[in-house]
């Protein structure tokens, strides 16, 4: 794949990767994407390790508008390292990013940290659920700070309580996940 990216990566604008859990060349793949594929607009990536190389790749994709992410769980990374990496990731999200699908349940506990450090002008965001006061508060603060978010698609929309809906919908419209998901 690295050779393919080297030869034609400059032309690549849309990429959907579904890595399997035993994929051994992930660092090489991420380096090739970072080096040879600067024009990616749409990236859907599943079963990727939430590694420093992945964070660097996202920071390099300065034309990225759509990002759909599903990370592999890594049990041996200390909690503080994960939090620091989420901060770095959210700070590197490009200012061209308009759509972010964070359906990832593994990163769900860190959604508030991500929102607190994100400056991307998102118009649509998808999350797994909104059942946590920290995440609700971070979402409201993100909306107040960025003033660009129009819709938040919630995978577990039917699980939303009325209080959360009322508080959050003063700032952004909450919708079922299916109504705004983008899948090329």
Protein backbone atom coordinates (compact mmCIF):
# COMPACT_ATOMS: atom_id res chain seq x y z
CA UNK A 1 0.00 0.00 0.00
CA UNK A 2 2.84 2.39 0.78
CA UNK A 3 4.08 2.01 -2.81
CA UNK A 4 0.61 2.75 -4.18
CA UNK A 5 0.38 5.87 -1.99
CA UNK A 6 3.84 6.95 -3.16
CA UNK A 7 2.87 6.66 -6.83
CA UNK A 8 -0.63 8.14 -6.73
CA UNK A 9 -1.23 9.55 -3.26
CA UNK A 10 -1.16 13.16 -4.40
CA UNK A 11 -4.37 12.45 -6.36
CA UNK A 12 -6.11 10.72 -3.48
CA UNK A 13 -8.99 12.70 -1.97
CA UNK A 14 -11.21 10.02 -0.43
CA UNK A 15 -10.00 7.06 1.55
CA UNK A 16 -11.83 4.43 3.53
CA UNK A 17 -9.61 2.02 5.47
CA UNK A 18 -10.81 -0.90 7.52
CA UNK A 19 -7.75 -2.43 9.09
CA UNK A 20 -7.97 -5.77 10.80
CA UNK A 21 -6.74 -6.34 14.31
CA UNK A 22 -3.62 -8.19 13.17
CA UNK A 23 -2.43 -5.57 10.66
CA UNK A 24 1.32 -5.38 11.29
CA UNK A 25 2.39 -2.48 9.06
CA UNK A 26 0.24 0.26 10.58
CA UNK A 27 3.17 2.63 11.34
CA UNK A 28 4.43 2.24 7.75
CA UNK A 29 0.92 2.84 6.37
CA UNK A 30 0.45 5.98 8.50
CA UNK A 31 3.86 7.33 7.47
CA UNK A 32 3.04 6.75 3.78
CA UNK A 33 -0.33 8.50 4.16
CA UNK A 34 1.30 11.42 5.95
CA UNK A 35 4.08 11.72 3.38
CA UNK A 36 2.32 11.07 0.08
CA UNK A 37 -1.39 11.88 0.57
CA UNK A 38 -1.77 15.54 1.59
CA UNK A 39 -4.96 16.11 -0.42
CA UNK A 40 -7.30 13.80 1.44
CA UNK A 41 -10.68 15.45 1.99
CA UNK A 42 -12.61 12.42 3.28
CA UNK A 43 -11.05 9.86 5.63
CA UNK A 44 -12.89 6.96 7.19
CA UNK A 45 -10.58 4.78 9.21
CA UNK A 46 -11.55 1.82 11.35
CA UNK A 47 -9.56 -0.30 13.77
CA UNK A 48 -6.62 2.08 13.90
CA UNK A 49 -4.42 2.36 16.95
CA UNK A 50 -4.69 5.74 18.65
CA UNK A 51 -0.94 6.25 18.30
CA UNK A 52 1.32 9.31 18.07
CA UNK A 53 1.78 8.46 14.37
CA UNK A 54 -1.98 8.65 13.84
CA UNK A 55 -2.13 12.02 15.62
CA UNK A 56 0.67 13.32 13.35
CA UNK A 57 -1.17 12.06 10.27
CA UNK A 58 -4.33 13.97 11.22
CA UNK A 59 -2.28 17.12 11.79
CA UNK A 60 -0.80 16.75 8.30
CA UNK A 61 -4.14 16.47 6.49
CA UNK A 62 -4.78 20.20 6.14
CA UNK A 63 -7.58 19.75 3.55
CA UNK A 64 -9.54 17.21 5.58
CA UNK A 65 -13.27 18.00 5.74
CA UNK A 66 -14.82 14.65 6.75
CA UNK A 67 -13.36 12.33 9.38
CA UNK A 68 -14.90 9.10 10.57
CA UNK A 69 -12.90 7.36 13.28
CA UNK A 70 -12.97 4.05 15.09
CA UNK A 71 -9.88 3.25 17.17
CA UNK A 72 -8.67 -0.01 18.63
CA UNK A 73 -8.58 -0.23 22.37
CA UNK A 74 -5.11 -0.33 23.85
CA UNK A 75 -5.11 -1.66 27.39
CA UNK A 76 -1.47 -0.98 28.18
CA UNK A 77 -1.50 2.79 27.67
CA UNK A 78 -1.72 4.70 30.97
CA UNK A 79 -4.76 6.93 31.41
CA UNK A 80 -2.70 10.14 31.51
CA UNK A 81 -0.99 9.26 28.23
CA UNK A 82 -4.36 8.67 26.57
CA UNK A 83 -5.66 12.01 27.87
CA UNK A 84 -2.56 13.83 26.63
CA UNK A 85 -2.85 12.14 23.22
CA UNK A 86 -6.55 13.09 22.96
CA UNK A 87 -5.60 16.71 23.66
CA UNK A 88 -2.87 16.61 20.99
CA UNK A 89 -5.27 14.98 18.54
CA UNK A 90 -8.03 17.53 19.11
CA UNK A 91 -5.59 20.44 18.80
CA UNK A 92 -4.32 19.02 15.48
CA UNK A 93 -7.74 18.62 13.89
CA UNK A 94 -7.50 20.78 10.75
CA UNK A 95 -9.42 24.02 10.49
CA UNK A 96 -11.04 22.66 7.31
CA UNK A 97 -12.82 19.88 9.23
CA UNK A 98 -16.60 20.24 9.03
CA UNK A 99 -17.82 16.71 9.80
CA UNK A 100 -16.53 14.42 12.54
CA UNK A 101 -17.91 10.98 13.23
CA UNK A 102 -16.63 9.94 16.65
CA UNK A 103 -18.80 6.88 16.93
CA UNK A 104 -15.88 5.25 18.69
CA UNK A 105 -17.02 3.85 22.04
CA UNK A 106 -13.43 3.37 23.21
CA UNK A 107 -12.74 7.11 23.00
CA UNK A 108 -16.16 8.00 24.39
CA UNK A 109 -14.92 8.68 27.96
CA UNK A 110 -12.59 11.32 26.51
CA UNK A 111 -15.16 13.16 24.37
CA UNK A 112 -15.25 16.05 26.84
CA UNK A 113 -11.46 16.44 26.65
CA UNK A 114 -11.60 16.35 22.87
CA UNK A 115 -14.33 19.01 22.72
CA UNK A 116 -12.57 21.22 25.27
CA UNK A 117 -9.44 21.38 23.09
CA UNK A 118 -10.96 21.32 19.61
CA UNK A 119 -10.92 24.44 17.45
CA UNK A 120 -12.10 22.86 14.20
CA UNK A 121 -15.19 24.61 12.82
CA UNK A 122 -17.36 21.50 12.88
CA UNK A 123 -20.84 21.76 11.41
CA UNK A 124 -21.86 18.17 12.13
CA UNK A 125 -20.60 15.75 14.74
CA UNK A 126 -21.64 12.21 15.51
CA UNK A 127 -21.14 10.63 18.90
CA UNK A 128 -22.16 7.31 20.39
CA UNK A 129 -24.22 8.65 23.29
CA UNK A 130 -24.75 11.76 25.35
CA UNK A 131 -25.35 10.32 28.78
CA UNK A 132 -22.70 12.11 30.75
CA UNK A 133 -22.85 15.58 32.30
CA UNK A 134 -19.16 16.22 31.53
CA UNK A 135 -19.73 15.53 27.82
CA UNK A 136 -22.93 17.59 27.73
CA UNK A 137 -21.19 20.53 29.37
CA UNK A 138 -18.18 20.26 27.04
CA UNK A 139 -20.51 20.11 24.04
CA UNK A 140 -22.33 23.27 25.15
CA UNK A 141 -19.02 25.07 25.77
CA UNK A 142 -17.74 23.95 22.34
CA UNK A 143 -20.89 25.36 20.71
CA UNK A 144 -20.56 28.64 22.55
CA UNK A 145 -16.87 28.95 21.67
CA UNK A 146 -16.96 27.88 18.02
CA UNK A 147 -20.49 28.87 16.99
CA UNK A 148 -20.38 26.57 13.94
CA UNK A 149 -21.89 23.28 15.09
CA UNK A 150 -25.38 22.79 13.65
CA UNK A 151 -26.13 19.13 14.38
CA UNK A 152 -24.98 16.43 16.74
CA UNK A 153 -26.03 12.96 15.68
CA UNK A 154 -26.35 10.61 18.63
CA UNK A 155 -26.18 6.88 18.02
CA UNK A 156 -28.09 6.16 21.23
CA UNK A 157 -30.55 8.98 20.56
CA UNK A 158 -33.47 7.13 22.11
CA UNK A 159 -31.53 6.93 25.39
CA UNK A 160 -31.33 10.73 25.75
CA UNK A 161 -33.11 12.06 28.79
CA UNK A 162 -35.32 15.15 28.54
CA UNK A 163 -33.08 17.26 30.78
CA UNK A 164 -30.01 16.69 28.59
CA UNK A 165 -32.00 17.36 25.43
CA UNK A 166 -33.34 20.60 26.84
CA UNK A 167 -29.96 21.86 28.07
CA UNK A 168 -27.98 20.96 24.96
CA UNK A 169 -30.61 21.86 22.36
CA UNK A 170 -30.39 25.50 23.44
CA UNK A 171 -27.05 25.45 21.56
CA UNK A 172 -27.19 22.69 18.95
CA UNK A 173 -29.80 20.42 17.41
CA UNK A 174 -29.60 16.80 18.56
CA UNK A 175 -30.68 14.28 15.95
CA UNK A 176 -30.60 10.52 15.51
CA UNK A 177 -27.29 9.29 14.18
CA UNK A 178 -28.80 7.94 10.95
CA UNK A 179 -30.11 11.31 9.85
CA UNK A 180 -26.67 12.91 9.33
CA UNK A 181 -24.20 10.05 8.90
CA UNK A 182 -22.01 10.39 5.79
CA UNK A 183 -20.63 7.21 4.29
CA UNK A 184 -18.97 7.37 0.88
